[in-house]
Amino acid sequence: MARPKKKHDDKVEFHSGFVSLVGRPNVGKSTLTNALVGEKVAITSSKPQTTRHTIRGISNRERGQLILVDTPGIHRPRTLLGERLNALVQSTLSEVDIIGMCFPATEPVGPGDRFISEQLDKYPRAMKVAIVTKTDAASGTQILQRLTEVQELRDWAFLIPVSAVKNDQVDQLADELIALLPPGPSFYDVEETTDEDLEKRISELIRESILEDVQDELPHSLAVTLDDMLEREDKDLLEIYANIFVERDSQKGIIIGAQGSRLKAIGAESRAAIEKLLGRKVFLSLRVKVSKDWQRDPKALQRLGF
């Protein structure tokens, strides 16, 4: 792996390693990953099961390098896609140095949290830490209640409340995590913030735009792929051709909307996000296609990158 050109202070012991954030859907794992990295590397959404693959966000700090692996949420699978996502989580958690379990300050600890906490016993190699998220949306009483409930679940290496939105205690969390990591050099160059390839990041930005603009039954049925990215010879413009896959014709109609209105809005929002990522103008073409029951079809899953 690449090593940084920047030299670290020899008087400061440098630590590096891998940290995975887990928890129920919509507890703020991706938002916290982005806050720790300092830029958007993982898409966020109010819809559950937003993350579908492992994302490595790289947080470079004075005393160490955190490699944050944002995984799909642990859940009881109902489709072949769900089974593969769970397998991806399991393979990831077996290799990381620290597992950080997230609990929203706004919701009581429940059966889903206890189930995931019990699953962590399968990964004895990793140290376990607890993070109470979304403190900006909770009262002081709620935060105290969550800290008490979380502390009773197991013997955590440490427990800390944070707000990724307000950037409250995010740096303190990074310091605590780095202190637990083994001494060692950086795994990635200090200028890098993710090892995600550009095509995957663009596809995810398009999917994020769709997730925030569709009905509840659609999120799990959505997949986005890129056909091509072409440089225009006559102007400084990148042309991007993407496909949005759904499972049924009725879902295709929902995405397109009346006279194409919803697809047009999705395209405009996606294009703005992509231009922010790339720092340049883009032309974005979106096509909606039906791949019947793709979440249960091994060949379709392979074509769509799962």
C-alpha atoms as a PDB file:
ATOM      1  CA  MET A   1       0.000   0.000   0.000  1.00  0.00           C
ATOM      2  CA  ALA A   2       1.059   3.581  -0.563  1.00  0.00           C
ATOM      3  CA  ARG A   3       2.990   5.323   2.213  1.00  0.00           C
ATOM      4  CA  PRO A   4       2.795   9.050   2.897  1.00  0.00           C
ATOM      5  CA  LYS A   5       5.372  11.487   1.637  1.00  0.00           C
ATOM      6  CA  LYS A   6       4.747  13.662   4.677  1.00  0.00           C
ATOM      7  CA  LYS A   7       7.045  12.934   7.602  1.00  0.00           C
ATOM      8  CA  HIS A   8       5.535  12.648  11.039  1.00  0.00           C
ATOM      9  CA  ASP A   9       7.071  13.996  14.220  1.00  0.00           C
ATOM     10  CA  ASP A  10       9.434  11.269  15.426  1.00  0.00           C
ATOM     11  CA  LYS A  11       8.779  12.312  19.037  1.00  0.00           C
ATOM     12  CA  VAL A  12       5.086  11.440  18.684  1.00  0.00           C
ATOM     13  CA  GLU A  13       4.263   7.729  18.523  1.00  0.00           C
ATOM     14  CA  PHE A  14       2.135   7.226  15.418  1.00  0.00           C
ATOM     15  CA  HIS A  15      -0.769   4.768  15.394  1.00  0.00           C
ATOM     16  CA  SER A  16      -2.774   3.370  12.479  1.00  0.00           C
ATOM     17  CA  GLY A  17      -5.445   0.782  11.881  1.00  0.00           C
ATOM     18  CA  PHE A  18      -8.959  -0.116  10.837  1.00  0.00           C
ATOM     19  CA  VAL A  19     -12.198   0.878  12.560  1.00  0.00           C
ATOM     20  CA  SER A  20     -15.683  -0.301  11.580  1.00  0.00           C
ATOM     21  CA  LEU A  21     -18.859   1.458  12.691  1.00  0.00           C
ATOM     22  CA  VAL A  22     -21.902  -0.767  13.231  1.00  0.00           C
ATOM     23  CA  GLY A  23     -25.428  -0.355  14.530  1.00  0.00           C
ATOM     24  CA  ARG A  24     -29.080  -0.486  13.569  1.00  0.00           C
ATOM     25  CA  PRO A  25     -30.122   1.215  10.316  1.00  0.00           C
ATOM     26  CA  ASN A  26     -30.211   5.007  10.420  1.00  0.00           C
ATOM     27  CA  VAL A  27     -28.162   5.511  13.593  1.00  0.00           C
ATOM     28  CA  GLY A  28     -25.740   7.900  11.887  1.00  0.00           C
ATOM     29  CA  LYS A  29     -22.849   5.639  10.882  1.00  0.00           C
ATOM     30  CA  SER A  30     -22.271   7.203   7.454  1.00  0.00           C
ATOM     31  CA  THR A  31     -22.708  10.753   8.756  1.00  0.00           C
ATOM     32  CA  LEU A  32     -20.151  10.063  11.481  1.00  0.00           C
ATOM     33  CA  THR A  33     -17.749   8.524   8.949  1.00  0.00           C
ATOM     34  CA  ASN A  34     -17.948  11.693   6.852  1.00  0.00           C
ATOM     35  CA  ALA A  35     -17.402  13.895   9.923  1.00  0.00           C
ATOM     36  CA  LEU A  36     -14.306  11.963  10.979  1.00  0.00           C
ATOM     37  CA  VAL A  37     -12.849  12.093   7.461  1.00  0.00           C
ATOM     38  CA  GLY A  38     -13.704  15.776   7.006  1.00  0.00           C
ATOM     39  CA  GLU A  39     -15.483  15.330   3.675  1.00  0.00           C
ATOM     40  CA  LYS A  40     -18.296  13.286   2.153  1.00  0.00           C
ATOM     41  CA  VAL A  41     -17.118   9.767   1.329  1.00  0.00           C
ATOM     42  CA  ALA A  42     -20.294   7.850   2.275  1.00  0.00           C
ATOM     43  CA  ILE A  43     -23.818   8.684   1.152  1.00  0.00           C
ATOM     44  CA  THR A  44     -26.418   9.373   3.817  1.00  0.00           C
ATOM     45  CA  SER A  45     -30.168   8.937   3.865  1.00  0.00           C
ATOM     46  CA  SER A  46     -33.086   8.658   6.264  1.00  0.00           C
ATOM     47  CA  LYS A  47     -33.939   5.368   4.544  1.00  0.00           C
ATOM     48  CA  PRO A  48     -32.651   2.148   6.191  1.00  0.00           C
ATOM     49  CA  GLN A  49     -29.924   0.006   4.604  1.00  0.00           C
ATOM     50  CA  THR A  50     -28.460   2.900   2.629  1.00  0.00           C
ATOM     51  CA  THR A  51     -24.907   1.506   2.667  1.00  0.00           C
ATOM     52  CA  ARG A  52     -24.466  -1.530   0.421  1.00  0.00           C
ATOM     53  CA  HIS A  53     -20.726  -2.078   0.361  1.00  0.00           C
ATOM     54  CA  THR A  54     -17.718  -1.382   2.527  1.00  0.00           C
ATOM     55  CA  ILE A  55     -16.449   2.168   2.226  1.00  0.00           C
ATOM     56  CA  ARG A  56     -13.012   3.104   3.445  1.00  0.00           C
ATOM     57  CA  GLY A  57     -12.800   6.657   4.678  1.00  0.00           C
ATOM     58  CA  ILE A  58      -9.317   7.791   5.634  1.00  0.00           C
ATOM     59  CA  SER A  59      -8.959  10.179   8.563  1.00  0.00           C
ATOM     60  CA  ASN A  60      -5.449  11.605   8.832  1.00  0.00           C
ATOM     61  CA  ARG A  61      -4.601  13.017  12.261  1.00  0.00           C
ATOM     62  CA  GLU A  62      -1.419  14.309  13.872  1.00  0.00           C
ATOM     63  CA  ARG A  63      -1.014  11.201  16.008  1.00  0.00           C
ATOM     64  CA  GLY A  64      -2.373   8.577  13.658  1.00  0.00           C
ATOM     65  CA  GLN A  65      -4.390   7.430  10.670  1.00  0.00           C
ATOM     66  CA  LEU A  66      -7.897   6.016  11.072  1.00  0.00           C
ATOM     67  CA  ILE A  67      -9.177   3.860   8.241  1.00  0.00           C
ATOM     68  CA  LEU A  68     -12.942   3.893   8.698  1.00  0.00           C
ATOM     69  CA  VAL A  69     -14.825   0.995   7.180  1.00  0.00           C
ATOM     70  CA  ASP A  70     -18.503   1.932   6.833  1.00  0.00           C
ATOM     71  CA  THR A  71     -20.427  -1.314   6.349  1.00  0.00           C
ATOM     72  CA  PRO A  72     -24.039  -2.244   5.561  1.00  0.00           C
ATOM     73  CA  GLY A  73     -26.051  -2.545   8.759  1.00  0.00           C
ATOM     74  CA  ILE A  74     -26.289  -5.919  10.480  1.00  0.00           C
ATOM     75  CA  HIS A  75     -29.811  -7.237   9.888  1.00  0.00           C
ATOM     76  CA  ARG A  76     -31.849 -10.392   9.368  1.00  0.00           C
ATOM     77  CA  PRO A  77     -31.716 -10.891   5.572  1.00  0.00           C
ATOM     78  CA  ARG A  78     -34.842 -11.452   3.469  1.00  0.00           C
ATOM     79  CA  THR A  79     -33.198 -11.645   0.014  1.00  0.00           C
ATOM     80  CA  LEU A  80     -30.017 -12.939  -1.598  1.00  0.00           C
ATOM     81  CA  LEU A  81     -28.765  -9.357  -1.635  1.00  0.00           C
ATOM     82  CA  GLY A  82     -29.384  -9.165   2.127  1.00  0.00           C
ATOM     83  CA  GLU A  83     -27.454 -12.398   2.656  1.00  0.00           C
ATOM     84  CA  ARG A  84     -24.509 -11.054   0.665  1.00  0.00           C
ATOM     85  CA  LEU A  85     -24.528  -7.772   2.573  1.00  0.00           C
ATOM     86  CA  ASN A  86     -24.462  -9.662   5.874  1.00  0.00           C
ATOM     87  CA  ALA A  87     -21.572 -11.802   4.623  1.00  0.00           C
ATOM     88  CA  LEU A  88     -19.745  -8.616   3.673  1.00  0.00           C
ATOM     89  CA  VAL A  89     -20.236  -7.232   7.180  1.00  0.00           C
ATOM     90  CA  GLN A  90     -19.010 -10.446   8.791  1.00  0.00           C
ATOM     91  CA  SER A  91     -15.854 -10.645   6.677  1.00  0.00           C
ATOM     92  CA  THR A  92     -15.088  -6.991   7.421  1.00  0.00           C
ATOM     93  CA  LEU A  93     -15.619  -7.177  11.179  1.00  0.00           C
ATOM     94  CA  SER A  94     -13.347 -10.212  11.455  1.00  0.00           C
ATOM     95  CA  GLU A  95     -10.402  -8.128  10.213  1.00  0.00           C
ATOM     96  CA  VAL A  96     -10.709  -4.691  11.839  1.00  0.00           C
ATOM     97  CA  ASP A  97      -8.889  -3.483  14.958  1.00  0.00           C
ATOM     98  CA  ILE A  98     -11.851  -1.682  16.543  1.00  0.00           C
ATOM     99  CA  ILE A  99     -15.622  -2.027  16.233  1.00  0.00           C
ATOM    100  CA  GLY A 100     -17.526   1.111  17.154  1.00  0.00           C
ATOM    101  CA  MET A 101     -21.190   0.472  17.865  1.00  0.00           C
ATOM    102  CA  CYS A 102     -23.463   3.480  17.370  1.00  0.00           C
ATOM    103  CA  PHE A 103     -26.600   4.224  19.365  1.00  0.00           C
ATOM    104  CA  PRO A 104     -28.815   7.260  18.622  1.00  0.00           C
ATOM    105  CA  ALA A 105     -29.311   9.458  21.674  1.00  0.00           C
ATOM    106  CA  THR A 106     -32.905  10.072  20.567  1.00  0.00           C
ATOM    107  CA  GLU A 107     -34.062   6.427  20.862  1.00  0.00           C
ATOM    108  CA  PRO A 108     -34.019   3.948  23.754  1.00  0.00           C
ATOM    109  CA  VAL A 109     -31.761   0.918  23.505  1.00  0.00           C
ATOM    110  CA  GLY A 110     -33.950  -1.869  22.124  1.00  0.00           C
ATOM    111  CA  PRO A 111     -33.932  -5.512  20.990  1.00  0.00           C
ATOM    112  CA  GLY A 112     -32.182  -4.640  17.718  1.00  0.00           C
ATOM    113  CA  ASP A 113     -29.305  -3.024  19.607  1.00  0.00           C
ATOM    114  CA  ARG A 114     -29.023  -5.991  21.956  1.00  0.00           C
ATOM    115  CA  PHE A 115     -29.007  -8.393  19.007  1.00  0.00           C
ATOM    116  CA  ILE A 116     -26.126  -6.548  17.336  1.00  0.00           C
ATOM    117  CA  SER A 117     -24.219  -6.229  20.609  1.00  0.00           C
ATOM    118  CA  GLU A 118     -24.477  -9.990  21.060  1.00  0.00           C
ATOM    119  CA  GLN A 119     -23.216 -10.540  17.506  1.00  0.00           C
ATOM    120  CA  LEU A 120     -20.032  -8.638  18.356  1.00  0.00           C
ATOM    121  CA  ASP A 121     -18.920 -11.565  20.522  1.00  0.00           C
ATOM    122  CA  LYS A 122     -18.172 -13.362  17.235  1.00  0.00           C
ATOM    123  CA  TYR A 123     -15.266 -10.970  16.645  1.00  0.00           C
ATOM    124  CA  PRO A 124     -12.913 -11.334  19.630  1.00  0.00           C
ATOM    125  CA  ARG A 125      -9.978  -9.812  17.765  1.00  0.00           C
ATOM    126  CA  ALA A 126     -11.502  -6.320  17.721  1.00  0.00           C
ATOM    127  CA  MET A 127     -11.849  -3.983  20.677  1.00  0.00           C
ATOM    128  CA  LYS A 128     -15.407  -2.720  21.150  1.00  0.00           C
ATOM    129  CA  VAL A 129     -16.284   0.914  21.770  1.00  0.00           C
ATOM    130  CA  ALA A 130     -19.692   2.584  22.125  1.00  0.00           C
ATOM    131  CA  ILE A 131     -20.702   5.840  20.466  1.00  0.00           C
ATOM    132  CA  VAL A 132     -23.938   7.648  21.339  1.00  0.00           C
ATOM    133  CA  THR A 133     -24.799   9.642  18.204  1.00  0.00           C
ATOM    134  CA  LYS A 134     -27.191  12.490  17.320  1.00  0.00           C
ATOM    135  CA  THR A 135     -26.716  14.300  20.632  1.00  0.00           C
ATOM    136  CA  ASP A 136     -27.646  17.568  18.889  1.00  0.00           C
ATOM    137  CA  ALA A 137     -31.213  16.245  18.512  1.00  0.00           C
ATOM    138  CA  ALA A 138     -31.558  14.973  22.097  1.00  0.00           C
ATOM    139  CA  SER A 139     -32.098  16.547  25.488  1.00  0.00           C
ATOM    140  CA  GLY A 140     -29.572  16.266  28.296  1.00  0.00           C
ATOM    141  CA  THR A 141     -31.856  13.788  30.044  1.00  0.00           C
ATOM    142  CA  GLN A 142     -32.091  11.611  26.938  1.00  0.00           C
ATOM    143  CA  ILE A 143     -28.322  11.599  26.494  1.00  0.00           C
ATOM    144  CA  LEU A 144     -27.783  10.573  30.115  1.00  0.00           C
ATOM    145  CA  GLN A 145     -30.375   7.797  29.767  1.00  0.00           C
ATOM    146  CA  ARG A 146     -28.724   6.466  26.589  1.00  0.00           C
ATOM    147  CA  LEU A 147     -25.260   6.501  28.175  1.00  0.00           C
ATOM    148  CA  THR A 148     -26.598   4.526  31.140  1.00  0.00           C
ATOM    149  CA  GLU A 149     -28.421   2.000  28.932  1.00  0.00           C
ATOM    150  CA  VAL A 150     -25.451   1.530  26.610  1.00  0.00           C
ATOM    151  CA  GLN A 151     -22.989   1.124  29.476  1.00  0.00           C
ATOM    152  CA  GLU A 152     -25.068  -1.780  30.808  1.00  0.00           C
ATOM    153  CA  LEU A 153     -24.854  -3.752  27.551  1.00  0.00           C
ATOM    154  CA  ARG A 154     -21.242  -4.858  27.823  1.00  0.00           C
ATOM    155  CA  ASP A 155     -17.731  -3.870  28.960  1.00  0.00           C
ATOM    156  CA  TRP A 156     -16.777  -1.249  26.362  1.00  0.00           C
ATOM    157  CA  ALA A 157     -13.205  -0.018  25.861  1.00  0.00           C
ATOM    158  CA  PHE A 158     -14.748   3.460  26.071  1.00  0.00           C
ATOM    159  CA  LEU A 159     -18.118   5.181  25.699  1.00  0.00           C
ATOM    160  CA  ILE A 160     -18.532   8.653  24.195  1.00  0.00           C
ATOM    161  CA  PRO A 161     -21.447  10.877  23.079  1.00  0.00           C
ATOM    162  CA  VAL A 162     -21.019  12.794  19.797  1.00  0.00           C
ATOM    163  CA  SER A 163     -22.842  14.943  17.273  1.00  0.00           C
ATOM    164  CA  ALA A 164     -21.526  14.497  13.747  1.00  0.00           C
ATOM    165  CA  VAL A 165     -23.834  17.259  12.487  1.00  0.00           C
ATOM    166  CA  LYS A 166     -22.512  19.811  15.015  1.00  0.00           C
ATOM    167  CA  ASN A 167     -18.995  18.308  14.989  1.00  0.00           C
ATOM    168  CA  ASP A 168     -19.268  17.992  18.765  1.00  0.00           C
ATOM    169  CA  GLN A 169     -16.671  15.633  20.286  1.00  0.00           C
ATOM    170  CA  VAL A 170     -15.764  14.214  16.864  1.00  0.00           C
ATOM    171  CA  ASP A 171     -12.090  15.126  17.344  1.00  0.00           C
ATOM    172  CA  GLN A 172     -12.164  13.630  20.836  1.00  0.00           C
ATOM    173  CA  LEU A 173     -13.582  10.424  19.381  1.00  0.00           C
ATOM    174  CA  ALA A 174     -10.784  10.318  16.790  1.00  0.00           C
ATOM    175  CA  ASP A 175      -8.165  10.785  19.527  1.00  0.00           C
ATOM    176  CA  GLU A 176      -9.678   7.989  21.633  1.00  0.00           C
ATOM    177  CA  LEU A 177      -9.776   5.609  18.666  1.00  0.00           C
ATOM    178  CA  ILE A 178      -6.196   6.361  17.638  1.00  0.00           C
ATOM    179  CA  ALA A 179      -5.012   5.721  21.195  1.00  0.00           C
ATOM    180  CA  LEU A 180      -6.416   2.181  20.983  1.00  0.00           C
ATOM    181  CA  LEU A 181      -4.796   1.386  17.624  1.00  0.00           C
ATOM    182  CA  PRO A 182      -1.402  -0.315  17.421  1.00  0.00           C
ATOM    183  CA  PRO A 183       1.721   1.767  16.688  1.00  0.00           C
ATOM    184  CA  GLY A 184       2.596   1.815  13.023  1.00  0.00           C
ATOM    185  CA  PRO A 185       2.934   3.906   9.855  1.00  0.00           C
ATOM    186  CA  SER A 186       0.133   5.166   7.608  1.00  0.00           C
ATOM    187  CA  PHE A 187      -1.452   2.687   5.228  1.00  0.00           C
ATOM    188  CA  TYR A 188      -2.494   5.422   2.779  1.00  0.00           C
ATOM    189  CA  ASP A 189      -0.981   8.662   1.545  1.00  0.00           C
ATOM    190  CA  VAL A 190      -1.939  11.587   3.778  1.00  0.00           C
ATOM    191  CA  GLU A 191      -3.691  13.330   0.869  1.00  0.00           C
ATOM    192  CA  GLU A 192      -6.146  10.460   0.377  1.00  0.00           C
ATOM    193  CA  THR A 193      -9.584  10.485   2.005  1.00  0.00           C
ATOM    194  CA  THR A 194     -11.049   7.274   0.516  1.00  0.00           C
ATOM    195  CA  ASP A 195     -10.066   4.251  -1.554  1.00  0.00           C
ATOM    196  CA  GLU A 196     -13.429   4.218  -3.345  1.00  0.00           C
ATOM    197  CA  ASP A 197     -13.037   4.448  -7.124  1.00  0.00           C
ATOM    198  CA  LEU A 198     -14.573   7.449  -8.874  1.00  0.00           C
ATOM    199  CA  GLU A 199     -17.256   5.515 -10.767  1.00  0.00           C
ATOM    200  CA  LYS A 200     -18.572   3.969  -7.544  1.00  0.00           C
ATOM    201  CA  ARG A 201     -18.691   7.365  -5.802  1.00  0.00           C
ATOM    202  CA  ILE A 202     -20.638   8.881  -8.704  1.00  0.00           C
ATOM    203  CA  SER A 203     -23.080   5.946  -8.764  1.00  0.00           C
ATOM    204  CA  GLU A 204     -23.643   6.329  -5.029  1.00  0.00           C
ATOM    205  CA  LEU A 205     -24.337  10.063  -5.337  1.00  0.00           C
ATOM    206  CA  ILE A 206     -27.030   9.310  -7.918  1.00  0.00           C
ATOM    207  CA  ARG A 207     -28.543   6.655  -5.657  1.00  0.00           C
ATOM    208  CA  GLU A 208     -28.514   9.091  -2.737  1.00  0.00           C
ATOM    209  CA  SER A 209     -30.506  11.627  -4.759  1.00  0.00           C
ATOM    210  CA  ILE A 210     -33.090   8.970  -5.603  1.00  0.00           C
ATOM    211  CA  LEU A 211     -33.373   7.740  -2.013  1.00  0.00           C
ATOM    212  CA  GLU A 212     -34.376  11.160  -0.761  1.00  0.00           C
ATOM    213  CA  ASP A 213     -37.079  11.566  -3.391  1.00  0.00           C
ATOM    214  CA  VAL A 214     -38.924   8.241  -3.553  1.00  0.00           C
ATOM    215  CA  GLN A 215     -41.464   6.270  -1.565  1.00  0.00           C
ATOM    216  CA  ASP A 216     -40.534   3.874   1.216  1.00  0.00           C
ATOM    217  CA  GLU A 217     -40.998   0.699  -0.840  1.00  0.00           C
ATOM    218  CA  LEU A 218     -38.342   1.621  -3.388  1.00  0.00           C
ATOM    219  CA  PRO A 219     -34.948   1.990  -1.612  1.00  0.00           C
ATOM    220  CA  HIS A 220     -34.077  -1.719  -1.501  1.00  0.00           C
ATOM    221  CA  SER A 221     -35.103  -2.149  -5.147  1.00  0.00           C
ATOM    222  CA  LEU A 222     -32.719   0.507  -6.453  1.00  0.00           C
ATOM    223  CA  ALA A 223     -29.318   0.012  -8.040  1.00  0.00           C
ATOM    224  CA  VAL A 224     -27.218   2.414 -10.113  1.00  0.00           C
ATOM    225  CA  THR A 225     -24.503   1.604 -12.643  1.00  0.00           C
ATOM    226  CA  LEU A 226     -22.421   3.736 -15.004  1.00  0.00           C
ATOM    227  CA  ASP A 227     -22.260   2.911 -18.712  1.00  0.00           C
ATOM    228  CA  ASP A 228     -19.632   5.453 -19.684  1.00  0.00           C
ATOM    229  CA  MET A 229     -17.792   8.672 -18.843  1.00  0.00           C
ATOM    230  CA  LEU A 230     -16.612  10.672 -21.854  1.00  0.00           C
ATOM    231  CA  GLU A 231     -14.660  13.902 -22.228  1.00  0.00           C
ATOM    232  CA  ARG A 232     -16.273  16.332 -24.675  1.00  0.00           C
ATOM    233  CA  GLU A 233     -13.704  17.436 -27.243  1.00  0.00           C
ATOM    234  CA  ASP A 234     -15.384  20.756 -28.028  1.00  0.00           C
ATOM    235  CA  LYS A 235     -15.719  21.983 -24.421  1.00  0.00           C
ATOM    236  CA  ASP A 236     -14.541  21.349 -20.872  1.00  0.00           C
ATOM    237  CA  LEU A 237     -17.374  18.995 -20.018  1.00  0.00           C
ATOM    238  CA  LEU A 238     -17.562  15.418 -18.736  1.00  0.00           C
ATOM    239  CA  GLU A 239     -20.448  13.340 -20.082  1.00  0.00           C
ATOM    240  CA  ILE A 240     -21.759  10.664 -17.705  1.00  0.00           C
ATOM    241  CA  TYR A 241     -24.227   7.987 -18.807  1.00  0.00           C
ATOM    242  CA  ALA A 242     -25.870   6.070 -15.947  1.00  0.00           C
ATOM    243  CA  ASN A 243     -28.576   3.456 -15.456  1.00  0.00           C
ATOM    244  CA  ILE A 244     -31.082   3.264 -12.625  1.00  0.00           C
ATOM    245  CA  PHE A 245     -32.332  -0.297 -12.082  1.00  0.00           C
ATOM    246  CA  VAL A 246     -35.601  -1.197 -10.373  1.00  0.00           C
ATOM    247  CA  GLU A 247     -37.459  -4.502 -10.038  1.00  0.00           C
ATOM    248  CA  ARG A 248     -40.908  -3.711 -11.476  1.00  0.00           C
ATOM    249  CA  ASP A 249     -42.514  -1.549 -14.169  1.00  0.00           C
ATOM    250  CA  SER A 250     -44.569   0.246 -11.518  1.00  0.00           C
ATOM    251  CA  GLN A 251     -41.345   1.291  -9.769  1.00  0.00           C
ATOM    252  CA  LYS A 252     -39.982   2.595 -13.065  1.00  0.00           C
ATOM    253  CA  GLY A 253     -43.023   4.849 -13.326  1.00  0.00           C
ATOM    254  CA  ILE A 254     -42.442   6.166  -9.810  1.00  0.00           C
ATOM    255  CA  ILE A 255     -38.836   7.082 -10.612  1.00  0.00           C
ATOM    256  CA  ILE A 256     -39.738   8.818 -13.875  1.00  0.00           C
ATOM    257  CA  GLY A 257     -42.758  10.673 -12.478  1.00  0.00           C
ATOM    258  CA  ALA A 258     -45.428  12.597 -14.358  1.00  0.00           C
ATOM    259  CA  GLN A 259     -44.011  13.668 -17.738  1.00  0.00           C
ATOM    260  CA  GLY A 260     -40.522  12.825 -16.463  1.00  0.00           C
ATOM    261  CA  SER A 261     -40.648  15.407 -13.672  1.00  0.00           C
ATOM    262  CA  ARG A 262     -39.183  13.261 -10.899  1.00  0.00           C
ATOM    263  CA  LEU A 263     -36.356  11.888 -13.057  1.00  0.00           C
ATOM    264  CA  LYS A 264     -35.519  15.439 -14.114  1.00  0.00           C
ATOM    265  CA  ALA A 265     -35.327  16.537 -10.464  1.00  0.00           C
ATOM    266  CA  ILE A 266     -33.182  13.528  -9.563  1.00  0.00           C
ATOM    267  CA  GLY A 267     -30.860  14.338 -12.458  1.00  0.00           C
ATOM    268  CA  ALA A 268     -30.483  17.975 -11.407  1.00  0.00           C
ATOM    269  CA  GLU A 269     -29.715  17.064  -7.795  1.00  0.00           C
ATOM    270  CA  SER A 270     -27.311  14.293  -8.800  1.00  0.00           C
ATOM    271  CA  ARG A 271     -25.501  16.523 -11.281  1.00  0.00           C
ATOM    272  CA  ALA A 272     -24.961  19.220  -8.634  1.00  0.00           C
ATOM    273  CA  ALA A 273     -23.501  16.668  -6.202  1.00  0.00           C
ATOM    274  CA  ILE A 274     -21.237  15.162  -8.878  1.00  0.00           C
ATOM    275  CA  GLU A 275     -19.995  18.587  -9.976  1.00  0.00           C
ATOM    276  CA  LYS A 276     -19.153  19.386  -6.350  1.00  0.00           C
ATOM    277  CA  LEU A 277     -17.204  16.147  -6.081  1.00  0.00           C
ATOM    278  CA  LEU A 278     -15.309  16.631  -9.348  1.00  0.00           C
ATOM    279  CA  GLY A 279     -14.968  20.420  -9.271  1.00  0.00           C
ATOM    280  CA  ARG A 280     -16.104  20.714 -12.891  1.00  0.00           C
ATOM    281  CA  LYS A 281     -19.173  20.807 -15.144  1.00  0.00           C
ATOM    282  CA  VAL A 282     -20.826  17.537 -16.146  1.00  0.00           C
ATOM    283  CA  PHE A 283     -23.582  16.390 -18.479  1.00  0.00           C
ATOM    284  CA  LEU A 284     -25.602  13.597 -16.848  1.00  0.00           C
ATOM    285  CA  SER A 285     -27.855  11.181 -18.729  1.00  0.00           C
ATOM    286  CA  LEU A 286     -30.047   8.854 -16.643  1.00  0.00           C
ATOM    287  CA  ARG A 287     -31.968   5.846 -17.986  1.00  0.00           C
ATOM    288  CA  VAL A 288     -34.391   3.814 -15.866  1.00  0.00           C
ATOM    289  CA  LYS A 289     -34.416   0.067 -16.510  1.00  0.00           C
ATOM    290  CA  VAL A 290     -36.291  -2.912 -15.057  1.00  0.00           C
ATOM    291  CA  SER A 291     -34.425  -6.025 -13.903  1.00  0.00           C
ATOM    292  CA  LYS A 292     -37.132  -8.229 -12.397  1.00  0.00           C
ATOM    293  CA  ASP A 293     -36.427  -9.334  -8.793  1.00  0.00           C
ATOM    294  CA  TRP A 294     -32.728  -8.537  -9.172  1.00  0.00           C
ATOM    295  CA  GLN A 295     -32.169  -8.764  -5.400  1.00  0.00           C
ATOM    296  CA  ARG A 296     -32.900 -12.515  -5.616  1.00  0.00           C
ATOM    297  CA  ASP A 297     -31.152 -13.259  -8.928  1.00  0.00           C
ATOM    298  CA  PRO A 298     -27.468 -14.293  -8.607  1.00  0.00           C
ATOM    299  CA  LYS A 299     -26.656 -13.320 -12.207  1.00  0.00           C
ATOM    300  CA  ALA A 300     -28.350  -9.930 -11.887  1.00  0.00           C
ATOM    301  CA  LEU A 301     -26.536  -9.254  -8.613  1.00  0.00           C
ATOM    302  CA  GLN A 302     -23.227  -9.995 -10.299  1.00  0.00           C
ATOM    303  CA  ARG A 303     -24.037  -7.638 -13.211  1.00  0.00           C
ATOM    304  CA  LEU A 304     -24.936  -4.890 -10.750  1.00  0.00           C
ATOM    305  CA  GLY A 305     -21.733  -5.290  -8.753  1.00  0.00           C
ATOM    306  CA  PHE A 306     -22.879  -7.290  -5.720  1.00  0.00           C
END
